[in-house]
């Protein structure tokens, strides 16, 4: 069962959007709405329980490996019940429908429910990306690589024969995807800040007329640090080739950018023709997932042949967004930025001069002892280590890391005491580490 593009319903009265952001479109189904405020968690869990019941029915009626969303390689119903911590035993009737255990024995009901949840997620993310809800298409992906593939395919379909211009610092899968799609690949040098060199792009596109598909990255999408490609500059630099399709690989920055303390030009209104991002890191989901969107006037977002949405990813992403809503997602992002500032200040106070990159949520500091890097699973590069300030990292975690750095001992289980600025622990740090 393939994903079918939807027709938007007439607009309904909704709360006014924050200044500078687009108003949300009407939800396709009121009960599946992901709105500004957090939804009733009991209702969300009830709908997930109903989906579990429908999945069980679909699995009982499965006839071959292509039945969607039945799984012959695992039990989606039981996995969803476990991951969402659901009690799917018969219980009292919920508001607005029968008990989950009494769901109609229709094998197609589970597929319809999964696609309805996916449609609600796409609507919400289209609004975040300031897209035209009536013409933007998209779906939930299995992660950043699939989203990138779909975006490049949309560019190829919109501009047949056009090569892909990709920065040397872009996502490592980009060149392989392009070759599989039959696209020529032209590598563009990256600047010192990790962004695409616009002058080099202008020279390269001038040598090859006939259109250009350009991959832009936001927030160091491939490595967690680096700058943001300026979409207007990228488009202007690529115009010597003719028509341009820009795909934005936003990685985990896609859910951060709408709420970043400094403006980020990344979305469909800012010049992206298609974009993709991941969601599992910020939302703490146990299943990798993301969203890809293709804007109005471009080739329709299309899954690969035989590909269908993962019911686990769709349901968990829908529930995580619905439990927060726009306001809750904004609060979560602001909390991450607050923790990042706290981490940078306290690592510096502990003698490890820290700087922030990757939209301010990657904290870079002198590389500590190997045992500390292993214990905290720190990314390392040369003489420095990186701490990604995303859930479940908290202020208490930062405090424990600082104690570990200072004392060289295992961190306390639940400490939230702030290390004293300029305290004696800095004496244990070498001069090279102190200076960064």
Protein backbone atom coordinates (compact mmCIF):
# COMPACT_ATOMS: atom_id res chain seq x y z
CA UNK A 1 0.00 0.00 0.00
CA UNK A 2 1.70 3.19 -1.16
CA UNK A 3 1.49 6.64 0.31
CA UNK A 4 -1.12 8.76 -1.43
CA UNK A 5 -0.79 12.56 -1.50
CA UNK A 6 -3.63 14.23 0.32
CA UNK A 7 -5.88 17.14 -0.51
CA UNK A 8 -5.86 19.78 2.21
CA UNK A 9 -9.15 20.45 3.97
CA UNK A 10 -10.60 23.97 4.20
CA UNK A 11 -8.82 26.20 6.69
CA UNK A 12 -10.18 26.38 10.21
CA UNK A 13 -9.83 29.01 12.91
CA UNK A 14 -6.60 28.36 14.82
CA UNK A 15 -4.48 30.39 17.26
CA UNK A 16 -2.41 33.18 15.70
CA UNK A 17 1.13 32.17 14.71
CA UNK A 18 4.15 33.71 16.41
CA UNK A 19 5.58 36.78 14.72
CA UNK A 20 7.49 35.95 11.56
CA UNK A 21 6.18 32.40 11.26
CA UNK A 22 3.44 30.97 9.08
CA UNK A 23 0.02 30.11 10.40
CA UNK A 24 -0.69 26.40 10.76
CA UNK A 25 -2.96 24.79 8.21
CA UNK A 26 -6.06 22.85 9.13
CA UNK A 27 -5.41 19.34 10.36
CA UNK A 28 -6.62 16.52 8.09
CA UNK A 29 -8.32 14.81 11.03
CA UNK A 30 -9.15 16.63 14.29
CA UNK A 31 -8.09 13.72 16.51
CA UNK A 32 -4.72 13.48 14.80
CA UNK A 33 -3.97 17.19 15.04
CA UNK A 34 -0.49 18.27 16.14
CA UNK A 35 -1.20 21.81 17.22
CA UNK A 36 0.31 24.65 19.19
CA UNK A 37 -0.49 23.21 22.60
CA UNK A 38 0.24 19.73 23.90
CA UNK A 39 -2.55 17.25 23.26
CA UNK A 40 -4.24 15.15 25.93
CA UNK A 41 -1.69 12.35 26.58
CA UNK A 42 -4.46 9.91 27.45
CA UNK A 43 -6.06 10.46 24.04
CA UNK A 44 -2.70 10.02 22.31
CA UNK A 45 -2.08 6.77 24.13
CA UNK A 46 -5.60 5.59 23.35
CA UNK A 47 -5.00 6.15 19.65
CA UNK A 48 -1.69 4.31 19.83
CA UNK A 49 -3.42 1.41 21.57
CA UNK A 50 -6.03 1.39 18.81
CA UNK A 51 -3.25 1.23 16.24
CA UNK A 52 -1.69 -1.72 18.09
CA UNK A 53 -5.03 -3.55 17.88
CA UNK A 54 -5.32 -2.77 14.17
CA UNK A 55 -1.75 -3.94 13.55
CA UNK A 56 -2.50 -7.23 15.28
CA UNK A 57 -5.48 -7.69 12.97
CA UNK A 58 -3.36 -6.87 9.90
CA UNK A 59 -0.69 -9.33 10.98
CA UNK A 60 -3.25 -12.10 11.45
CA UNK A 61 -4.56 -11.52 7.92
CA UNK A 62 -1.19 -11.10 6.21
CA UNK A 63 -0.88 -13.25 3.09
CA UNK A 64 2.52 -12.33 1.62
CA UNK A 65 5.64 -10.30 2.31
CA UNK A 66 4.23 -7.18 0.64
CA UNK A 67 1.25 -6.77 2.92
CA UNK A 68 1.49 -3.36 4.60
CA UNK A 69 1.86 -2.78 7.47
CA UNK A 70 2.05 -6.44 8.51
CA UNK A 71 5.55 -7.62 9.28
CA UNK A 72 6.91 -11.10 8.71
CA UNK A 73 10.31 -10.17 10.14
CA UNK A 74 9.05 -8.82 13.45
CA UNK A 75 5.88 -8.04 15.28
CA UNK A 76 5.10 -4.33 14.80
CA UNK A 77 2.13 -4.51 17.17
CA UNK A 78 4.08 -5.90 20.10
CA UNK A 79 7.11 -3.71 19.41
CA UNK A 80 4.94 -0.57 19.38
CA UNK A 81 3.16 -1.64 22.57
CA UNK A 82 6.52 -2.17 24.26
CA UNK A 83 8.26 0.98 22.99
CA UNK A 84 5.27 3.19 23.82
CA UNK A 85 4.72 1.41 27.15
CA UNK A 86 1.10 0.66 26.34
CA UNK A 87 -1.36 -1.50 28.21
CA UNK A 88 -3.46 -2.88 25.40
CA UNK A 89 -5.63 -5.17 27.49
CA UNK A 90 -9.39 -4.56 27.19
CA UNK A 91 -10.45 -1.60 29.29
CA UNK A 92 -13.24 0.95 29.58
CA UNK A 93 -14.33 2.68 26.44
CA UNK A 94 -12.46 5.88 25.59
CA UNK A 95 -14.10 9.04 24.42
CA UNK A 96 -15.02 9.04 20.78
CA UNK A 97 -14.65 5.38 19.89
CA UNK A 98 -14.64 1.72 20.89
CA UNK A 99 -12.04 0.09 23.06
CA UNK A 100 -8.76 -0.68 21.24
CA UNK A 101 -9.31 -4.40 21.84
CA UNK A 102 -12.63 -4.13 19.97
CA UNK A 103 -11.19 -2.47 16.85
CA UNK A 104 -12.93 -3.50 13.65
CA UNK A 105 -11.27 -6.60 12.14
CA UNK A 106 -10.34 -4.81 8.91
CA UNK A 107 -6.82 -5.66 7.70
CA UNK A 108 -6.64 -2.32 5.85
CA UNK A 109 -7.45 -0.29 8.97
CA UNK A 110 -3.86 -0.35 10.24
CA UNK A 111 -2.47 0.93 6.96
CA UNK A 112 -5.01 3.75 6.85
CA UNK A 113 -4.22 4.70 10.46
CA UNK A 114 -0.45 4.77 9.83
CA UNK A 115 -0.91 6.97 6.76
CA UNK A 116 -3.22 9.32 8.69
CA UNK A 117 -0.61 9.70 11.45
CA UNK A 118 2.06 10.32 8.81
CA UNK A 119 -0.09 12.95 7.14
CA UNK A 120 -0.49 14.80 10.46
CA UNK A 121 3.31 14.76 10.96
CA UNK A 122 3.92 16.06 7.43
CA UNK A 123 1.35 18.83 7.89
CA UNK A 124 3.00 19.94 11.13
CA UNK A 125 6.51 19.87 9.65
CA UNK A 126 5.34 21.70 6.52
CA UNK A 127 4.15 24.53 8.74
CA UNK A 128 7.47 24.54 10.60
CA UNK A 129 9.26 24.81 7.24
CA UNK A 130 6.88 27.57 6.03
CA UNK A 131 5.68 25.51 3.09
CA UNK A 132 2.44 25.75 1.17
CA UNK A 133 0.34 23.07 2.86
CA UNK A 134 -1.83 22.66 -0.25
CA UNK A 135 1.06 21.82 -2.57
CA UNK A 136 3.97 20.61 -0.45
CA UNK A 137 4.38 16.84 -0.33
CA UNK A 138 6.44 14.64 1.92
CA UNK A 139 6.61 11.64 4.21
CA UNK A 140 8.32 10.17 7.25
CA UNK A 141 11.70 8.66 6.43
CA UNK A 142 13.94 6.09 8.10
CA UNK A 143 16.57 8.77 8.75
CA UNK A 144 18.82 11.32 7.10
CA UNK A 145 20.13 9.10 4.32
CA UNK A 146 16.68 8.26 2.93
CA UNK A 147 15.57 11.90 3.14
CA UNK A 148 18.67 12.96 1.22
CA UNK A 149 17.99 10.32 -1.46
CA UNK A 150 14.41 11.51 -1.94
CA UNK A 151 15.48 15.15 -2.18
CA UNK A 152 18.13 14.41 -4.79
CA UNK A 153 15.63 12.31 -6.75
CA UNK A 154 13.20 15.24 -6.71
CA UNK A 155 15.94 17.47 -8.10
CA UNK A 156 16.81 14.95 -10.81
CA UNK A 157 13.14 14.59 -11.83
CA UNK A 158 12.66 18.37 -11.89
CA UNK A 159 15.85 18.99 -13.90
CA UNK A 160 16.65 15.86 -15.96
CA UNK A 161 20.28 15.69 -16.97
CA UNK A 162 21.44 18.32 -14.46
CA UNK A 163 24.48 17.34 -12.37
CA UNK A 164 24.67 17.43 -8.60
CA UNK A 165 26.92 20.11 -7.11
CA UNK A 166 27.95 18.98 -3.66
CA UNK A 167 30.37 20.44 -1.15
CA UNK A 168 33.34 18.36 -0.08
CA UNK A 169 32.03 18.73 3.50
CA UNK A 170 28.47 17.57 2.74
CA UNK A 171 26.77 14.35 3.84
CA UNK A 172 28.95 11.34 3.04
CA UNK A 173 26.07 9.51 1.31
CA UNK A 174 25.34 12.31 -1.20
CA UNK A 175 27.77 11.26 -3.92
CA UNK A 176 26.77 7.61 -3.73
CA UNK A 177 23.07 8.50 -3.95
CA UNK A 178 23.69 10.73 -6.97
CA UNK A 179 25.55 8.01 -8.84
CA UNK A 180 22.79 5.51 -8.12
CA UNK A 181 20.31 8.05 -9.54
CA UNK A 182 22.42 8.40 -12.69
CA UNK A 183 23.50 11.96 -11.90
CA UNK A 184 26.92 13.39 -12.62
CA UNK A 185 28.64 14.62 -9.46
CA UNK A 186 30.66 17.82 -9.30
CA UNK A 187 32.44 18.41 -6.00
CA UNK A 188 32.62 22.03 -4.86
CA UNK A 189 35.35 23.11 -2.43
CA UNK A 190 34.27 24.02 1.08
CA UNK A 191 35.24 27.26 2.78
CA UNK A 192 37.11 27.48 6.05
CA UNK A 193 33.79 27.61 7.91
CA UNK A 194 32.55 24.37 6.30
CA UNK A 195 30.05 26.05 3.97
CA UNK A 196 29.94 25.69 0.19
CA UNK A 197 32.40 28.03 -1.57
CA UNK A 198 30.03 30.24 -3.59
CA UNK A 199 32.75 31.63 -5.86
CA UNK A 200 33.89 28.13 -6.79
CA UNK A 201 30.27 27.09 -7.40
CA UNK A 202 29.77 30.08 -9.73
CA UNK A 203 32.80 29.11 -11.82
CA UNK A 204 31.82 25.44 -12.01
CA UNK A 205 28.19 26.07 -13.01
CA UNK A 206 29.26 28.57 -15.66
CA UNK A 207 31.19 25.77 -17.36
CA UNK A 208 28.17 23.51 -17.65
CA UNK A 209 24.80 24.99 -18.69
CA UNK A 210 21.61 22.95 -18.49
CA UNK A 211 20.54 23.30 -14.87
CA UNK A 212 22.00 22.52 -11.48
CA UNK A 213 20.95 20.43 -8.48
CA UNK A 214 22.76 21.79 -5.43
CA UNK A 215 23.00 20.19 -2.00
CA UNK A 216 23.06 22.74 0.82
CA UNK A 217 23.79 21.84 4.44
CA UNK A 218 22.52 23.50 7.59
CA UNK A 219 24.32 23.47 10.92
CA UNK A 220 27.10 21.14 9.80
CA UNK A 221 24.55 18.46 8.96
CA UNK A 222 27.13 15.78 8.38
CA UNK A 223 29.42 16.35 11.35
CA UNK A 224 27.49 18.33 13.93
CA UNK A 225 29.48 21.52 13.42
CA UNK A 226 30.20 24.05 10.74
CA UNK A 227 28.24 26.90 9.21
CA UNK A 228 24.97 27.23 7.35
CA UNK A 229 24.90 27.53 3.58
CA UNK A 230 23.21 30.78 2.55
CA UNK A 231 20.44 29.64 0.21
CA UNK A 232 20.14 32.98 -1.61
CA UNK A 233 23.90 33.09 -2.24
CA UNK A 234 23.90 29.44 -3.36
CA UNK A 235 21.06 30.04 -5.82
CA UNK A 236 22.68 33.17 -7.24
CA UNK A 237 26.00 31.37 -7.64
CA UNK A 238 24.37 28.43 -9.47
CA UNK A 239 22.22 30.45 -11.88
CA UNK A 240 24.86 30.50 -14.67
CA UNK A 241 23.89 26.87 -15.25
CA UNK A 242 20.20 27.74 -15.74
CA UNK A 243 17.33 26.44 -13.56
CA UNK A 244 18.38 25.47 -10.02
CA UNK A 245 17.01 22.95 -7.51
CA UNK A 246 18.36 23.30 -3.97
CA UNK A 247 17.95 20.43 -1.53
CA UNK A 248 18.68 21.31 2.09
CA UNK A 249 20.12 18.58 4.31
CA UNK A 250 19.28 19.89 7.79
CA UNK A 251 19.96 16.71 9.83
CA UNK A 252 18.87 17.25 13.46
CA UNK A 253 18.99 21.05 12.95
CA UNK A 254 15.66 20.90 11.08
CA UNK A 255 13.60 20.83 14.27
CA UNK A 256 15.96 23.33 15.94
CA UNK A 257 16.12 26.01 13.25
CA UNK A 258 12.56 27.43 13.67
CA UNK A 259 13.35 28.18 17.33
CA UNK A 260 17.06 29.08 17.16
CA UNK A 261 18.06 32.28 19.02
CA UNK A 262 19.57 33.60 15.78
CA UNK A 263 17.67 33.52 12.44
CA UNK A 264 18.46 30.52 10.26
CA UNK A 265 17.58 30.69 6.54
CA UNK A 266 16.80 27.06 5.86
CA UNK A 267 13.16 26.53 4.95
CA UNK A 268 10.90 26.34 1.89
CA UNK A 269 10.14 30.06 2.01
CA UNK A 270 13.83 30.95 2.32
CA UNK A 271 14.71 29.23 -0.95
CA UNK A 272 14.79 25.46 -0.42
CA UNK A 273 13.07 23.45 -3.16
CA UNK A 274 13.20 20.34 -1.00
CA UNK A 275 14.55 19.62 2.46
CA UNK A 276 15.08 16.75 4.85
CA UNK A 277 15.87 16.42 8.53
CA UNK A 278 15.97 13.86 11.30
CA UNK A 279 13.84 13.87 14.44
CA UNK A 280 14.90 10.96 16.66
CA UNK A 281 17.91 12.66 18.28
CA UNK A 282 16.06 15.73 19.57
CA UNK A 283 12.91 13.83 20.56
CA UNK A 284 14.77 10.87 22.06
CA UNK A 285 12.99 8.25 19.96
CA UNK A 286 14.20 4.63 19.97
CA UNK A 287 13.64 4.31 16.20
CA UNK A 288 15.61 6.41 13.67
CA UNK A 289 13.27 8.65 11.70
CA UNK A 290 13.00 11.95 9.90
CA UNK A 291 10.88 13.91 7.43
CA UNK A 292 11.43 14.91 3.81
CA UNK A 293 9.45 17.71 2.14
CA UNK A 294 9.30 18.72 -1.52
CA UNK A 295 7.97 22.21 -2.14
CA UNK A 296 5.31 23.49 -4.50
CA UNK A 297 6.04 23.38 -8.21
CA UNK A 298 8.62 20.60 -7.96
CA UNK A 299 8.55 16.87 -8.61
CA UNK A 300 6.44 15.05 -6.07
CA UNK A 301 8.16 13.37 -3.13
CA UNK A 302 8.23 9.68 -3.92
CA UNK A 303 9.35 6.66 -1.98
CA UNK A 304 11.41 3.99 -3.60
CA UNK A 305 9.56 1.19 -5.36
CA UNK A 306 7.93 -1.11 -2.83
CA UNK A 307 8.82 1.19 0.06
CA UNK A 308 6.26 1.87 2.76
CA UNK A 309 6.33 3.85 6.01
CA UNK A 310 7.63 2.18 9.13
CA UNK A 311 4.63 2.01 11.50
CA UNK A 312 6.91 2.26 14.55
CA UNK A 313 8.69 5.40 13.34
CA UNK A 314 5.47 7.07 12.19
CA UNK A 315 3.50 6.33 15.34
CA UNK A 316 6.28 7.27 17.78
CA UNK A 317 7.15 10.48 15.92
CA UNK A 318 3.47 11.46 15.76
CA UNK A 319 3.02 10.80 19.47
CA UNK A 320 6.19 12.70 20.45
CA UNK A 321 5.16 15.78 18.46
CA UNK A 322 1.54 15.61 19.57
CA UNK A 323 2.50 15.30 23.24
CA UNK A 324 4.48 18.55 22.92
CA UNK A 325 2.82 20.59 20.22
CA UNK A 326 4.48 23.68 18.76
CA UNK A 327 4.90 25.33 22.16
CA UNK A 328 6.34 22.22 23.79
CA UNK A 329 8.80 21.69 20.94
CA UNK A 330 9.92 25.31 21.24
CA UNK A 331 10.40 24.88 25.00
CA UNK A 332 12.44 21.72 24.45
CA UNK A 333 14.75 23.51 21.98
CA UNK A 334 15.16 26.49 24.31
CA UNK A 335 16.03 24.10 27.14
CA UNK A 336 18.73 22.55 24.95
CA UNK A 337 20.23 25.99 24.26
CA UNK A 338 20.14 26.81 27.96
CA UNK A 339 21.95 23.55 28.76
CA UNK A 340 24.51 24.27 26.02
CA UNK A 341 25.31 27.65 27.55
CA UNK A 342 25.57 26.02 30.97
CA UNK A 343 27.91 23.34 29.61
CA UNK A 344 30.20 25.82 27.88
CA UNK A 345 30.43 28.01 30.99
CA UNK A 346 31.09 25.15 33.40
CA UNK A 347 33.55 23.27 31.22
CA UNK A 348 35.50 26.52 30.88
CA UNK A 349 35.32 27.03 34.66
CA UNK A 350 36.68 23.50 35.09
CA UNK A 351 39.73 24.46 33.04
CA UNK A 352 38.60 23.17 29.61
CA UNK A 353 38.06 26.25 27.46
CA UNK A 354 34.87 25.50 25.53
CA UNK A 355 33.38 26.96 22.37
CA UNK A 356 30.00 26.29 20.75
CA UNK A 357 29.27 25.39 17.15
CA UNK A 358 26.68 23.54 15.10
CA UNK A 359 23.86 25.99 15.89
CA UNK A 360 25.31 26.44 19.35
CA UNK A 361 24.39 22.93 20.53
CA UNK A 362 27.78 21.33 19.94
CA UNK A 363 30.27 22.19 22.68
CA UNK A 364 33.90 21.79 21.65
CA UNK A 365 36.63 21.61 24.28
CA UNK A 366 40.19 20.24 24.74
CA UNK A 367 40.29 16.47 24.59
CA UNK A 368 40.33 14.90 28.08
CA UNK A 369 41.82 11.56 29.14
CA UNK A 370 40.83 8.53 26.99
CA UNK A 371 38.93 6.96 29.90
CA UNK A 372 36.73 10.05 30.20
CA UNK A 373 36.07 10.12 26.44
CA UNK A 374 35.05 6.47 26.54
CA UNK A 375 32.88 6.82 29.65
CA UNK A 376 31.01 9.83 28.24
CA UNK A 377 31.06 8.64 24.60
CA UNK A 378 32.56 11.92 23.46
CA UNK A 379 33.23 12.49 19.77
CA UNK A 380 36.88 13.35 19.31
CA UNK A 381 38.88 15.00 16.55
CA UNK A 382 42.57 15.68 16.97
CA UNK A 383 43.19 17.48 20.25
CA UNK A 384 39.53 18.30 20.88
CA UNK A 385 36.33 16.56 21.96
CA UNK A 386 32.71 17.42 21.17
CA UNK A 387 29.66 17.21 23.37
CA UNK A 388 26.30 17.25 21.58
CA UNK A 389 23.79 18.99 23.85
CA UNK A 390 20.62 17.10 23.00
CA UNK A 391 18.35 15.03 25.26
CA UNK A 392 18.92 13.22 27.54
CA UNK A 393 21.84 15.53 28.46
CA UNK A 394 20.87 17.81 31.35
CA UNK A 395 22.56 20.27 33.71
CA UNK A 396 23.05 17.41 36.17
CA UNK A 397 24.87 15.48 33.45
CA UNK A 398 27.11 18.46 32.77
CA UNK A 399 27.90 18.74 36.49
CA UNK A 400 28.82 15.05 36.61
CA UNK A 401 31.06 15.42 33.55
CA UNK A 402 32.83 18.41 35.12
CA UNK A 403 33.46 16.45 38.33
CA UNK A 404 34.81 13.58 36.27
CA UNK A 405 37.12 15.92 34.38
CA UNK A 406 38.37 17.49 37.60
CA UNK A 407 38.76 14.44 39.81
CA UNK A 408 39.37 11.70 37.28
CA UNK A 409 36.83 9.56 39.14
CA UNK A 410 33.51 8.04 38.15
CA UNK A 411 30.77 10.70 38.11
CA UNK A 412 28.27 10.77 41.00
CA UNK A 413 24.97 9.11 40.20
CA UNK A 414 22.71 12.14 40.58
CA UNK A 415 24.66 15.27 41.32
CA UNK A 416 23.38 18.69 40.30
CA UNK A 417 25.79 20.86 42.34
CA UNK A 418 27.46 23.51 40.21
CA UNK A 419 31.25 23.32 40.18
CA UNK A 420 32.78 26.42 41.73
CA UNK A 421 34.14 28.78 39.10
CA UNK A 422 37.91 29.02 39.34
CA UNK A 423 38.01 26.27 41.96
CA UNK A 424 40.90 24.03 42.81
CA UNK A 425 39.95 21.40 40.25
CA UNK A 426 41.62 23.44 37.52
CA UNK A 427 44.99 22.63 39.06
CA UNK A 428 44.62 19.05 37.80
CA UNK A 429 44.32 20.24 34.20
CA UNK A 430 47.45 20.61 32.15
CA UNK A 431 48.39 23.96 30.67
CA UNK A 432 47.76 22.66 27.18
CA UNK A 433 44.24 21.60 28.12
CA UNK A 434 43.54 24.88 29.89
CA UNK A 435 44.55 26.92 26.86
CA UNK A 436 42.56 24.75 24.41
